Amino acid sequence: MAKITYIEFGGTEHAVEVEPGQTLMQGARDNNIPGIAADCGGACICGTCHVYVAPAWRARLATRTEIETATIEFASDVQPHSRLACQIKITEDLDGLIVNLPESQ
């Protein structure tokens, strides 16, 4: 299991265990993390699982695919460290990952 910390826009932290092989979005959904709508269920077509990846973790993630880059353009307040949680596959190497949630999806 990997411990993942999701931080809501207002600062509330949710540290949960996520099974390797799941996506960051599935971990949020399965643990009832507020702020990740995941309307498309992980198909990378809606952008409602937008997160900001903490700087120390960016290099450990695979780069954005073309479809993720195209989809994230429709999210609110996109930053250089924005990612879609449905596109981040959890591995043991991501134990301790911290992501922040935008004000709205």
PDB file of N, CA and C in Angstrom:
ATOM      1  N   MET A   1       0.840  -1.189   0.000  1.00  0.00           N
ATOM      2  CA  MET A   1       0.000   0.000   0.000  1.00  0.00           C
ATOM      3  C   MET A   1       0.880   1.245   0.000  1.00  0.00           C
ATOM      4  N   ALA A   2       0.360   2.277  -0.591  1.00  0.00           N
ATOM      5  CA  ALA A   2       1.061   3.555  -0.621  1.00  0.00           C
ATOM      6  C   ALA A   2       0.224   4.583   0.135  1.00  0.00           C
ATOM      7  N   LYS A   3       0.866   5.345   1.002  1.00  0.00           N
ATOM      8  CA  LYS A   3       0.170   6.406   1.724  1.00  0.00           C
ATOM      9  C   LYS A   3       0.168   7.633   0.826  1.00  0.00           C
ATOM     10  N   ILE A   4      -1.035   8.126   0.541  1.00  0.00           N
ATOM     11  CA  ILE A   4      -1.215   9.295  -0.307  1.00  0.00           C
ATOM     12  C   ILE A   4      -1.926  10.363   0.514  1.00  0.00           C
ATOM     13  N   THR A   5      -1.455  11.597   0.427  1.00  0.00           N
ATOM     14  CA  THR A   5      -2.106  12.704   1.122  1.00  0.00           C
ATOM     15  C   THR A   5      -2.735  13.627   0.095  1.00  0.00           C
ATOM     16  N   TYR A   6      -4.055  13.779   0.205  1.00  0.00           N
ATOM     17  CA  TYR A   6      -4.826  14.693  -0.624  1.00  0.00           C
ATOM     18  C   TYR A   6      -5.127  15.905   0.254  1.00  0.00           C
ATOM     19  N   ILE A   7      -4.822  17.094  -0.226  1.00  0.00           N
ATOM     20  CA  ILE A   7      -5.072  18.304   0.550  1.00  0.00           C
ATOM     21  C   ILE A   7      -6.132  19.133  -0.166  1.00  0.00           C
ATOM     22  N   GLU A   8      -7.257  19.316   0.512  1.00  0.00           N
ATOM     23  CA  GLU A   8      -8.346  20.108  -0.053  1.00  0.00           C
ATOM     24  C   GLU A   8      -7.905  21.561  -0.208  1.00  0.00           C
ATOM     25  N   PHE A   9      -8.609  22.315  -1.027  1.00  0.00           N
ATOM     26  CA  PHE A   9      -8.282  23.712  -1.272  1.00  0.00           C
ATOM     27  C   PHE A   9      -8.204  24.508   0.032  1.00  0.00           C
ATOM     28  N   GLY A  10      -9.087  24.227   0.967  1.00  0.00           N
ATOM     29  CA  GLY A  10      -9.113  24.934   2.252  1.00  0.00           C
ATOM     30  C   GLY A  10      -8.053  24.472   3.240  1.00  0.00           C
ATOM     31  N   GLY A  11      -7.285  23.438   2.894  1.00  0.00           N
ATOM     32  CA  GLY A  11      -6.201  22.988   3.757  1.00  0.00           C
ATOM     33  C   GLY A  11      -6.438  21.687   4.502  1.00  0.00           C
ATOM     34  N   THR A  12      -7.639  21.153   4.452  1.00  0.00           N
ATOM     35  CA  THR A  12      -7.915  19.893   5.131  1.00  0.00           C
ATOM     36  C   THR A  12      -7.161  18.758   4.450  1.00  0.00           C
ATOM     37  N   GLU A  13      -6.414  17.993   5.235  1.00  0.00           N
ATOM     38  CA  GLU A  13      -5.614  16.890   4.695  1.00  0.00           C
ATOM     39  C   GLU A  13      -6.308  15.552   4.919  1.00  0.00           C
ATOM     40  N   HIS A  14      -6.183  14.687   3.935  1.00  0.00           N
ATOM     41  CA  HIS A  14      -6.709  13.323   4.006  1.00  0.00           C
ATOM     42  C   HIS A  14      -5.573  12.382   3.630  1.00  0.00           C
ATOM     43  N   ALA A  15      -5.003  11.706   4.610  1.00  0.00           N
ATOM     44  CA  ALA A  15      -3.943  10.730   4.356  1.00  0.00           C
ATOM     45  C   ALA A  15      -4.588   9.353   4.331  1.00  0.00           C
ATOM     46  N   VAL A  16      -4.486   8.675   3.188  1.00  0.00           N
ATOM     47  CA  VAL A  16      -5.140   7.382   3.016  1.00  0.00           C
ATOM     48  C   VAL A  16      -4.177   6.386   2.384  1.00  0.00           C
ATOM     49  N   GLU A  17      -4.498   5.125   2.511  1.00  0.00           N
ATOM     50  CA  GLU A  17      -3.736   4.058   1.875  1.00  0.00           C
ATOM     51  C   GLU A  17      -4.391   3.725   0.540  1.00  0.00           C
ATOM     52  N   VAL A  18      -3.566   3.655  -0.501  1.00  0.00           N
ATOM     53  CA  VAL A  18      -4.066   3.331  -1.841  1.00  0.00           C
ATOM     54  C   VAL A  18      -3.294   2.122  -2.354  1.00  0.00           C
ATOM     55  N   GLU A  19      -4.024   1.187  -2.879  1.00  0.00           N
ATOM     56  CA  GLU A  19      -3.458  -0.054  -3.406  1.00  0.00           C
ATOM     57  C   GLU A  19      -2.645   0.216  -4.666  1.00  0.00           C
ATOM     58  N   PRO A  20      -1.421  -0.287  -4.749  1.00  0.00           N
ATOM     59  CA  PRO A  20      -0.665  -0.162  -5.999  1.00  0.00           C
ATOM     60  C   PRO A  20      -1.463  -0.767  -7.157  1.00  0.00           C
ATOM     61  N   GLY A  21      -1.396  -0.106  -8.298  1.00  0.00           N
ATOM     62  CA  GLY A  21      -2.162  -0.532  -9.463  1.00  0.00           C
ATOM     63  C   GLY A  21      -3.410   0.309  -9.656  1.00  0.00           C
ATOM     64  N   GLN A  22      -3.930   0.887  -8.577  1.00  0.00           N
ATOM     65  CA  GLN A  22      -5.059   1.790  -8.707  1.00  0.00           C
ATOM     66  C   GLN A  22      -4.545   3.137  -9.192  1.00  0.00           C
ATOM     67  N   THR A  23      -5.446   3.969  -9.644  1.00  0.00           N
ATOM     68  CA  THR A  23      -5.054   5.329  -9.998  1.00  0.00           C
ATOM     69  C   THR A  23      -5.264   6.233  -8.786  1.00  0.00           C
ATOM     70  N   LEU A  24      -4.652   7.381  -8.847  1.00  0.00           N
ATOM     71  CA  LEU A  24      -4.823   8.379  -7.797  1.00  0.00           C
ATOM     72  C   LEU A  24      -6.294   8.762  -7.663  1.00  0.00           C
ATOM     73  N   MET A  25      -7.008   8.813  -8.783  1.00  0.00           N
ATOM     74  CA  MET A  25      -8.437   9.124  -8.780  1.00  0.00           C
ATOM     75  C   MET A  25      -9.237   8.026  -8.084  1.00  0.00           C
ATOM     76  N   GLN A  26      -8.927   6.761  -8.361  1.00  0.00           N
ATOM     77  CA  GLN A  26      -9.633   5.660  -7.708  1.00  0.00           C
ATOM     78  C   GLN A  26      -9.396   5.694  -6.203  1.00  0.00           C
ATOM     79  N   GLY A  27      -8.183   6.017  -5.797  1.00  0.00           N
ATOM     80  CA  GLY A  27      -7.875   6.126  -4.370  1.00  0.00           C
ATOM     81  C   GLY A  27      -8.706   7.204  -3.706  1.00  0.00           C
ATOM     82  N   ALA A  28      -8.884   8.324  -4.388  1.00  0.00           N
ATOM     83  CA  ALA A  28      -9.708   9.410  -3.847  1.00  0.00           C
ATOM     84  C   ALA A  28     -11.176   8.989  -3.777  1.00  0.00           C
ATOM     85  N   ARG A  29     -11.663   8.402  -4.847  1.00  0.00           N
ATOM     86  CA  ARG A  29     -13.064   7.968  -4.893  1.00  0.00           C
ATOM     87  C   ARG A  29     -13.354   6.913  -3.833  1.00  0.00           C
ATOM     88  N   ASP A  30     -12.486   5.918  -3.730  1.00  0.00           N
ATOM     89  CA  ASP A  30     -12.702   4.821  -2.785  1.00  0.00           C
ATOM     90  C   ASP A  30     -12.607   5.263  -1.327  1.00  0.00           C
ATOM     91  N   ASN A  31     -11.918   6.383  -1.092  1.00  0.00           N
ATOM     92  CA  ASN A  31     -11.759   6.891   0.272  1.00  0.00           C
ATOM     93  C   ASN A  31     -12.593   8.139   0.530  1.00  0.00           C
ATOM     94  N   ASN A  32     -13.544   8.408  -0.365  1.00  0.00           N
ATOM     95  CA  ASN A  32     -14.488   9.524  -0.212  1.00  0.00           C
ATOM     96  C   ASN A  32     -13.807  10.869   0.010  1.00  0.00           C
ATOM     97  N   ILE A  33     -12.760  11.135  -0.764  1.00  0.00           N
ATOM     98  CA  ILE A  33     -12.053  12.404  -0.665  1.00  0.00           C
ATOM     99  C   ILE A  33     -12.895  13.476  -1.350  1.00  0.00           C
ATOM    100  N   PRO A  34     -13.298  14.517  -0.624  1.00  0.00           N
ATOM    101  CA  PRO A  34     -14.076  15.577  -1.263  1.00  0.00           C
ATOM    102  C   PRO A  34     -13.202  16.396  -2.209  1.00  0.00           C
ATOM    103  N   GLY A  35     -13.797  16.881  -3.297  1.00  0.00           N
ATOM    104  CA  GLY A  35     -13.072  17.747  -4.212  1.00  0.00           C
ATOM    105  C   GLY A  35     -12.614  17.077  -5.489  1.00  0.00           C
ATOM    106  N   ILE A  36     -12.784  15.765  -5.588  1.00  0.00           N
ATOM    107  CA  ILE A  36     -12.477  15.058  -6.835  1.00  0.00           C
ATOM    108  C   ILE A  36     -13.774  14.431  -7.318  1.00  0.00           C
ATOM    109  N   ALA A  37     -14.346  15.048  -8.369  1.00  0.00           N
ATOM    110  CA  ALA A  37     -15.647  14.585  -8.869  1.00  0.00           C
ATOM    111  C   ALA A  37     -15.521  13.305  -9.683  1.00  0.00           C
ATOM    112  N   ALA A  38     -14.496  13.201 -10.519  1.00  0.00           N
ATOM    113  CA  ALA A  38     -14.256  12.017 -11.351  1.00  0.00           C
ATOM    114  C   ALA A  38     -15.502  11.631 -12.146  1.00  0.00           C
ATOM    115  N   ASP A  39     -16.098  12.616 -12.791  1.00  0.00           N
ATOM    116  CA  ASP A  39     -17.349  12.400 -13.518  1.00  0.00           C
ATOM    117  C   ASP A  39     -17.267  11.325 -14.600  1.00  0.00           C
ATOM    118  N   CYS A  40     -16.122  11.198 -15.266  1.00  0.00           N
ATOM    119  CA  CYS A  40     -16.028  10.221 -16.354  1.00  0.00           C
ATOM    120  C   CYS A  40     -15.533   8.859 -15.865  1.00  0.00           C
ATOM    121  N   GLY A  41     -15.261   8.728 -14.593  1.00  0.00           N
ATOM    122  CA  GLY A  41     -14.852   7.443 -14.034  1.00  0.00           C
ATOM    123  C   GLY A  41     -13.441   7.012 -14.387  1.00  0.00           C
ATOM    124  N   GLY A  42     -12.640   7.933 -14.878  1.00  0.00           N
ATOM    125  CA  GLY A  42     -11.253   7.608 -15.173  1.00  0.00           C
ATOM    126  C   GLY A  42     -10.937   7.458 -16.646  1.00  0.00           C
ATOM    127  N   ALA A  43     -11.832   7.909 -17.519  1.00  0.00           N
ATOM    128  CA  ALA A  43     -11.626   7.777 -18.964  1.00  0.00           C
ATOM    129  C   ALA A  43     -10.812   8.921 -19.569  1.00  0.00           C
ATOM    130  N   CYS A  44     -10.395   9.873 -18.749  1.00  0.00           N
ATOM    131  CA  CYS A  44      -9.576  11.011 -19.198  1.00  0.00           C
ATOM    132  C   CYS A  44     -10.317  11.864 -20.223  1.00  0.00           C
ATOM    133  N   ILE A  45     -11.610  12.111 -19.964  1.00  0.00           N
ATOM    134  CA  ILE A  45     -12.364  12.941 -20.900  1.00  0.00           C
ATOM    135  C   ILE A  45     -13.072  14.123 -20.242  1.00  0.00           C
ATOM    136  N   CYS A  46     -12.967  14.264 -18.903  1.00  0.00           N
ATOM    137  CA  CYS A  46     -13.729  15.343 -18.275  1.00  0.00           C
ATOM    138  C   CYS A  46     -12.872  16.340 -17.493  1.00  0.00           C
ATOM    139  N   GLY A  47     -11.755  15.955 -16.973  1.00  0.00           N
ATOM    140  CA  GLY A  47     -10.898  16.863 -16.215  1.00  0.00           C
ATOM    141  C   GLY A  47     -11.353  17.141 -14.797  1.00  0.00           C
ATOM    142  N   THR A  48     -12.327  16.388 -14.286  1.00  0.00           N
ATOM    143  CA  THR A  48     -12.845  16.659 -12.940  1.00  0.00           C
ATOM    144  C   THR A  48     -12.098  15.912 -11.833  1.00  0.00           C
ATOM    145  N   CYS A  49     -10.920  15.426 -12.159  1.00  0.00           N
ATOM    146  CA  CYS A  49     -10.054  14.823 -11.135  1.00  0.00           C
ATOM    147  C   CYS A  49      -8.710  15.556 -11.120  1.00  0.00           C
ATOM    148  N   HIS A  50      -8.761  16.828 -11.469  1.00  0.00           N
ATOM    149  CA  HIS A  50      -7.593  17.706 -11.539  1.00  0.00           C
ATOM    150  C   HIS A  50      -6.947  17.844 -10.164  1.00  0.00           C
ATOM    151  N   VAL A  51      -5.634  17.658 -10.112  1.00  0.00           N
ATOM    152  CA  VAL A  51      -4.862  17.842  -8.877  1.00  0.00           C
ATOM    153  C   VAL A  51      -3.581  18.598  -9.205  1.00  0.00           C
ATOM    154  N   TYR A  52      -2.974  19.153  -8.159  1.00  0.00           N
ATOM    155  CA  TYR A  52      -1.654  19.761  -8.261  1.00  0.00           C
ATOM    156  C   TYR A  52      -0.680  18.832  -7.552  1.00  0.00           C
ATOM    157  N   VAL A  53       0.337  18.401  -8.256  1.00  0.00           N
ATOM    158  CA  VAL A  53       1.332  17.494  -7.691  1.00  0.00           C
ATOM    159  C   VAL A  53       2.416  18.321  -7.014  1.00  0.00           C
ATOM    160  N   ALA A  54       2.727  17.979  -5.772  1.00  0.00           N
ATOM    161  CA  ALA A  54       3.772  18.675  -5.030  1.00  0.00           C
ATOM    162  C   ALA A  54       5.087  18.610  -5.807  1.00  0.00           C
ATOM    163  N   PRO A  55       5.845  19.707  -5.807  1.00  0.00           N
ATOM    164  CA  PRO A  55       7.071  19.772  -6.617  1.00  0.00           C
ATOM    165  C   PRO A  55       8.034  18.600  -6.428  1.00  0.00           C
ATOM    166  N   ALA A  56       8.213  18.144  -5.228  1.00  0.00           N
ATOM    167  CA  ALA A  56       9.163  17.055  -4.967  1.00  0.00           C
ATOM    168  C   ALA A  56       8.760  15.753  -5.641  1.00  0.00           C
ATOM    169  N   TRP A  57       7.512  15.627  -6.057  1.00  0.00           N
ATOM    170  CA  TRP A  57       7.000  14.377  -6.624  1.00  0.00           C
ATOM    171  C   TRP A  57       6.893  14.396  -8.139  1.00  0.00           C
ATOM    172  N   ARG A  58       6.965  15.544  -8.760  1.00  0.00           N
ATOM    173  CA  ARG A  58       6.734  15.638 -10.206  1.00  0.00           C
ATOM    174  C   ARG A  58       7.657  14.750 -11.026  1.00  0.00           C
ATOM    175  N   ALA A  59       8.924  14.703 -10.660  1.00  0.00           N
ATOM    176  CA  ALA A  59       9.891  13.919 -11.439  1.00  0.00           C
ATOM    177  C   ALA A  59       9.661  12.416 -11.321  1.00  0.00           C
ATOM    178  N   ARG A  60       8.930  11.983 -10.306  1.00  0.00           N
ATOM    179  CA  ARG A  60       8.680  10.547 -10.115  1.00  0.00           C
ATOM    180  C   ARG A  60       7.509  10.034 -10.945  1.00  0.00           C
ATOM    181  N   LEU A  61       6.754  10.940 -11.531  1.00  0.00           N
ATOM    182  CA  LEU A  61       5.576  10.551 -12.305  1.00  0.00           C
ATOM    183  C   LEU A  61       5.904  10.483 -13.789  1.00  0.00           C
ATOM    184  N   ALA A  62       5.180   9.633 -14.487  1.00  0.00           N
ATOM    185  CA  ALA A  62       5.289   9.602 -15.946  1.00  0.00           C
ATOM    186  C   ALA A  62       4.807  10.956 -16.474  1.00  0.00           C
ATOM    187  N   THR A  63       5.319  11.361 -17.602  1.00  0.00           N
ATOM    188  CA  THR A  63       4.895  12.634 -18.174  1.00  0.00           C
ATOM    189  C   THR A  63       3.461  12.534 -18.686  1.00  0.00           C
ATOM    190  N   ARG A  64       2.834  13.675 -18.831  1.00  0.00           N
ATOM    191  CA  ARG A  64       1.471  13.715 -19.350  1.00  0.00           C
ATOM    192  C   ARG A  64       1.423  13.158 -20.763  1.00  0.00           C
ATOM    193  N   THR A  65       0.378  12.401 -21.037  1.00  0.00           N
ATOM    194  CA  THR A  65       0.138  11.937 -22.404  1.00  0.00           C
ATOM    195  C   THR A  65      -0.531  13.065 -23.185  1.00  0.00           C
ATOM    196  N   GLU A  66      -0.629  12.908 -24.487  1.00  0.00           N
ATOM    197  CA  GLU A  66      -1.302  13.918 -25.308  1.00  0.00           C
ATOM    198  C   GLU A  66      -2.761  14.083 -24.908  1.00  0.00           C
ATOM    199  N   ILE A  67      -3.436  12.967 -24.631  1.00  0.00           N
ATOM    200  CA  ILE A  67      -4.851  13.048 -24.252  1.00  0.00           C
ATOM    201  C   ILE A  67      -5.021  13.736 -22.900  1.00  0.00           C
ATOM    202  N   GLU A  68      -4.125  13.467 -21.945  1.00  0.00           N
ATOM    203  CA  GLU A  68      -4.214  14.146 -20.653  1.00  0.00           C
ATOM    204  C   GLU A  68      -3.982  15.646 -20.829  1.00  0.00           C
ATOM    205  N   THR A  69      -2.992  16.004 -21.623  1.00  0.00           N
ATOM    206  CA  THR A  69      -2.702  17.420 -21.864  1.00  0.00           C
ATOM    207  C   THR A  69      -3.898  18.117 -22.510  1.00  0.00           C
ATOM    208  N   ALA A  70      -4.520  17.463 -23.478  1.00  0.00           N
ATOM    209  CA  ALA A  70      -5.689  18.049 -24.145  1.00  0.00           C
ATOM    210  C   ALA A  70      -6.867  18.171 -23.188  1.00  0.00           C
ATOM    211  N   THR A  71      -7.094  17.163 -22.368  1.00  0.00           N
ATOM    212  CA  THR A  71      -8.238  17.170 -21.448  1.00  0.00           C
ATOM    213  C   THR A  71      -8.045  18.182 -20.329  1.00  0.00           C
ATOM    214  N   ILE A  72      -6.843  18.276 -19.794  1.00  0.00           N
ATOM    215  CA  ILE A  72      -6.615  19.156 -18.640  1.00  0.00           C
ATOM    216  C   ILE A  72      -6.798  20.631 -19.006  1.00  0.00           C
ATOM    217  N   GLU A  73      -6.715  20.950 -20.282  1.00  0.00           N
ATOM    218  CA  GLU A  73      -6.923  22.331 -20.715  1.00  0.00           C
ATOM    219  C   GLU A  73      -8.315  22.845 -20.366  1.00  0.00           C
ATOM    220  N   PHE A  74      -9.267  21.935 -20.146  1.00  0.00           N
ATOM    221  CA  PHE A  74     -10.636  22.320 -19.807  1.00  0.00           C
ATOM    222  C   PHE A  74     -10.854  22.462 -18.303  1.00  0.00           C
ATOM    223  N   ALA A  75      -9.843  22.137 -17.503  1.00  0.00           N
ATOM    224  CA  ALA A  75      -9.952  22.241 -16.047  1.00  0.00           C
ATOM    225  C   ALA A  75      -9.782  23.703 -15.620  1.00  0.00           C
ATOM    226  N   SER A  76     -10.199  23.989 -14.391  1.00  0.00           N
ATOM    227  CA  SER A  76     -10.056  25.327 -13.834  1.00  0.00           C
ATOM    228  C   SER A  76      -8.660  25.518 -13.257  1.00  0.00           C
ATOM    229  N   ASP A  77      -8.112  26.704 -13.423  1.00  0.00           N
ATOM    230  CA  ASP A  77      -6.849  27.120 -12.813  1.00  0.00           C
ATOM    231  C   ASP A  77      -5.711  26.121 -13.035  1.00  0.00           C
ATOM    232  N   VAL A  78      -5.483  25.781 -14.285  1.00  0.00           N
ATOM    233  CA  VAL A  78      -4.410  24.844 -14.640  1.00  0.00           C
ATOM    234  C   VAL A  78      -3.055  25.503 -14.401  1.00  0.00           C
ATOM    235  N   GLN A  79      -2.158  24.756 -13.787  1.00  0.00           N
ATOM    236  CA  GLN A  79      -0.801  25.200 -13.469  1.00  0.00           C
ATOM    237  C   GLN A  79       0.201  24.243 -14.116  1.00  0.00           C
ATOM    238  N   PRO A  80       1.480  24.594 -14.165  1.00  0.00           N
ATOM    239  CA  PRO A  80       2.477  23.673 -14.738  1.00  0.00           C
ATOM    240  C   PRO A  80       2.530  22.327 -14.018  1.00  0.00           C
ATOM    241  N   HIS A  81       2.137  22.298 -12.744  1.00  0.00           N
ATOM    242  CA  HIS A  81       2.166  21.060 -11.961  1.00  0.00           C
ATOM    243  C   HIS A  81       0.792  20.399 -11.867  1.00  0.00           C
ATOM    244  N   SER A  82      -0.121  20.791 -12.758  1.00  0.00           N
ATOM    245  CA  SER A  82      -1.448  20.176 -12.812  1.00  0.00           C
ATOM    246  C   SER A  82      -1.376  18.807 -13.474  1.00  0.00           C
ATOM    247  N   ARG A  83      -2.142  17.883 -12.940  1.00  0.00           N
ATOM    248  CA  ARG A  83      -2.277  16.545 -13.523  1.00  0.00           C
ATOM    249  C   ARG A  83      -3.713  16.095 -13.336  1.00  0.00           C
ATOM    250  N   LEU A  84      -4.101  15.062 -14.081  1.00  0.00           N
ATOM    251  CA  LEU A  84      -5.387  14.409 -13.873  1.00  0.00           C
ATOM    252  C   LEU A  84      -5.120  13.161 -13.048  1.00  0.00           C
ATOM    253  N   ALA A  85      -5.815  13.050 -11.923  1.00  0.00           N
ATOM    254  CA  ALA A  85      -5.587  11.934 -11.003  1.00  0.00           C
ATOM    255  C   ALA A  85      -5.891  10.588 -11.641  1.00  0.00           C
ATOM    256  N   CYS A  86      -6.755  10.566 -12.654  1.00  0.00           N
ATOM    257  CA  CYS A  86      -7.079   9.297 -13.321  1.00  0.00           C
ATOM    258  C   CYS A  86      -5.910   8.775 -14.145  1.00  0.00           C
ATOM    259  N   GLN A  87      -4.916   9.611 -14.392  1.00  0.00           N
ATOM    260  CA  GLN A  87      -3.791   9.219 -15.229  1.00  0.00           C
ATOM    261  C   GLN A  87      -2.530   8.897 -14.423  1.00  0.00           C
ATOM    262  N   ILE A  88      -2.630   8.952 -13.105  1.00  0.00           N
ATOM    263  CA  ILE A  88      -1.478   8.651 -12.248  1.00  0.00           C
ATOM    264  C   ILE A  88      -1.700   7.290 -11.603  1.00  0.00           C
ATOM    265  N   LYS A  89      -0.941   6.315 -12.052  1.00  0.00           N
ATOM    266  CA  LYS A  89      -1.024   4.946 -11.531  1.00  0.00           C
ATOM    267  C   LYS A  89      -0.156   4.864 -10.272  1.00  0.00           C
ATOM    268  N   ILE A  90      -0.751   4.362  -9.186  1.00  0.00           N
ATOM    269  CA  ILE A  90      -0.035   4.256  -7.916  1.00  0.00           C
ATOM    270  C   ILE A  90       0.919   3.068  -7.934  1.00  0.00           C
ATOM    271  N   THR A  91       2.133   3.328  -7.475  1.00  0.00           N
ATOM    272  CA  THR A  91       3.145   2.291  -7.282  1.00  0.00           C
ATOM    273  C   THR A  91       3.700   2.453  -5.867  1.00  0.00           C
ATOM    274  N   GLU A  92       4.445   1.464  -5.415  1.00  0.00           N
ATOM    275  CA  GLU A  92       5.082   1.564  -4.095  1.00  0.00           C
ATOM    276  C   GLU A  92       6.013   2.770  -4.032  1.00  0.00           C
ATOM    277  N   ASP A  93       6.600   3.155  -5.162  1.00  0.00           N
ATOM    278  CA  ASP A  93       7.505   4.309  -5.210  1.00  0.00           C
ATOM    279  C   ASP A  93       6.786   5.625  -4.910  1.00  0.00           C
ATOM    280  N   LEU A  94       5.465   5.626  -4.992  1.00  0.00           N
ATOM    281  CA  LEU A  94       4.704   6.848  -4.723  1.00  0.00           C
ATOM    282  C   LEU A  94       4.216   6.926  -3.280  1.00  0.00           C
ATOM    283  N   ASP A  95       4.702   6.025  -2.428  1.00  0.00           N
ATOM    284  CA  ASP A  95       4.356   6.079  -1.002  1.00  0.00           C
ATOM    285  C   ASP A  95       4.796   7.429  -0.449  1.00  0.00           C
ATOM    286  N   GLY A  96       3.849   8.186   0.089  1.00  0.00           N
ATOM    287  CA  GLY A  96       4.136   9.504   0.635  1.00  0.00           C
ATOM    288  C   GLY A  96       3.737  10.647  -0.291  1.00  0.00           C
ATOM    289  N   LEU A  97       3.210  10.326  -1.481  1.00  0.00           N
ATOM    290  CA  LEU A  97       2.811  11.347  -2.455  1.00  0.00           C
ATOM    291  C   LEU A  97       1.828  12.336  -1.830  1.00  0.00           C
ATOM    292  N   ILE A  98       2.027  13.609  -2.153  1.00  0.00           N
ATOM    293  CA  ILE A  98       1.144  14.680  -1.684  1.00  0.00           C
ATOM    294  C   ILE A  98       0.591  15.401  -2.903  1.00  0.00           C
ATOM    295  N   VAL A  99      -0.727  15.552  -2.942  1.00  0.00           N
ATOM    296  CA  VAL A  99      -1.364  16.328  -4.006  1.00  0.00           C
ATOM    297  C   VAL A  99      -2.329  17.331  -3.378  1.00  0.00           C
ATOM    298  N   ASN A 100      -2.440  18.471  -4.019  1.00  0.00           N
ATOM    299  CA  ASN A 100      -3.395  19.495  -3.585  1.00  0.00           C
ATOM    300  C   ASN A 100      -4.528  19.543  -4.580  1.00  0.00           C
ATOM    301  N   LEU A 101      -5.701  19.871  -4.089  1.00  0.00           N
ATOM    302  CA  LEU A 101      -6.889  19.958  -4.941  1.00  0.00           C
ATOM    303  C   LEU A 101      -7.187  21.414  -5.254  1.00  0.00           C
ATOM    304  N   PRO A 102      -7.642  21.690  -6.473  1.00  0.00           N
ATOM    305  CA  PRO A 102      -7.992  23.068  -6.824  1.00  0.00           C
ATOM    306  C   PRO A 102      -9.269  23.499  -6.104  1.00  0.00           C
ATOM    307  N   GLU A 103      -9.543  24.784  -6.178  1.00  0.00           N
ATOM    308  CA  GLU A 103     -10.726  25.331  -5.513  1.00  0.00           C
ATOM    309  C   GLU A 103     -12.009  24.710  -6.071  1.00  0.00           C
ATOM    310  N   SER A 104     -12.036  24.460  -7.372  1.00  0.00           N
ATOM    311  CA  SER A 104     -13.214  23.830  -7.980  1.00  0.00           C
ATOM    312  C   SER A 104     -12.762  22.926  -9.117  1.00  0.00           C
ATOM    313  N   GLN A 105     -13.634  21.998  -9.485  1.00  0.00           N
ATOM    314  CA  GLN A 105     -13.322  21.078 -10.592  1.00  0.00           C
ATOM    315  C   GLN A 105     -14.084  21.491 -11.821  1.00  0.00           C
TER     316      GLN A 105
END
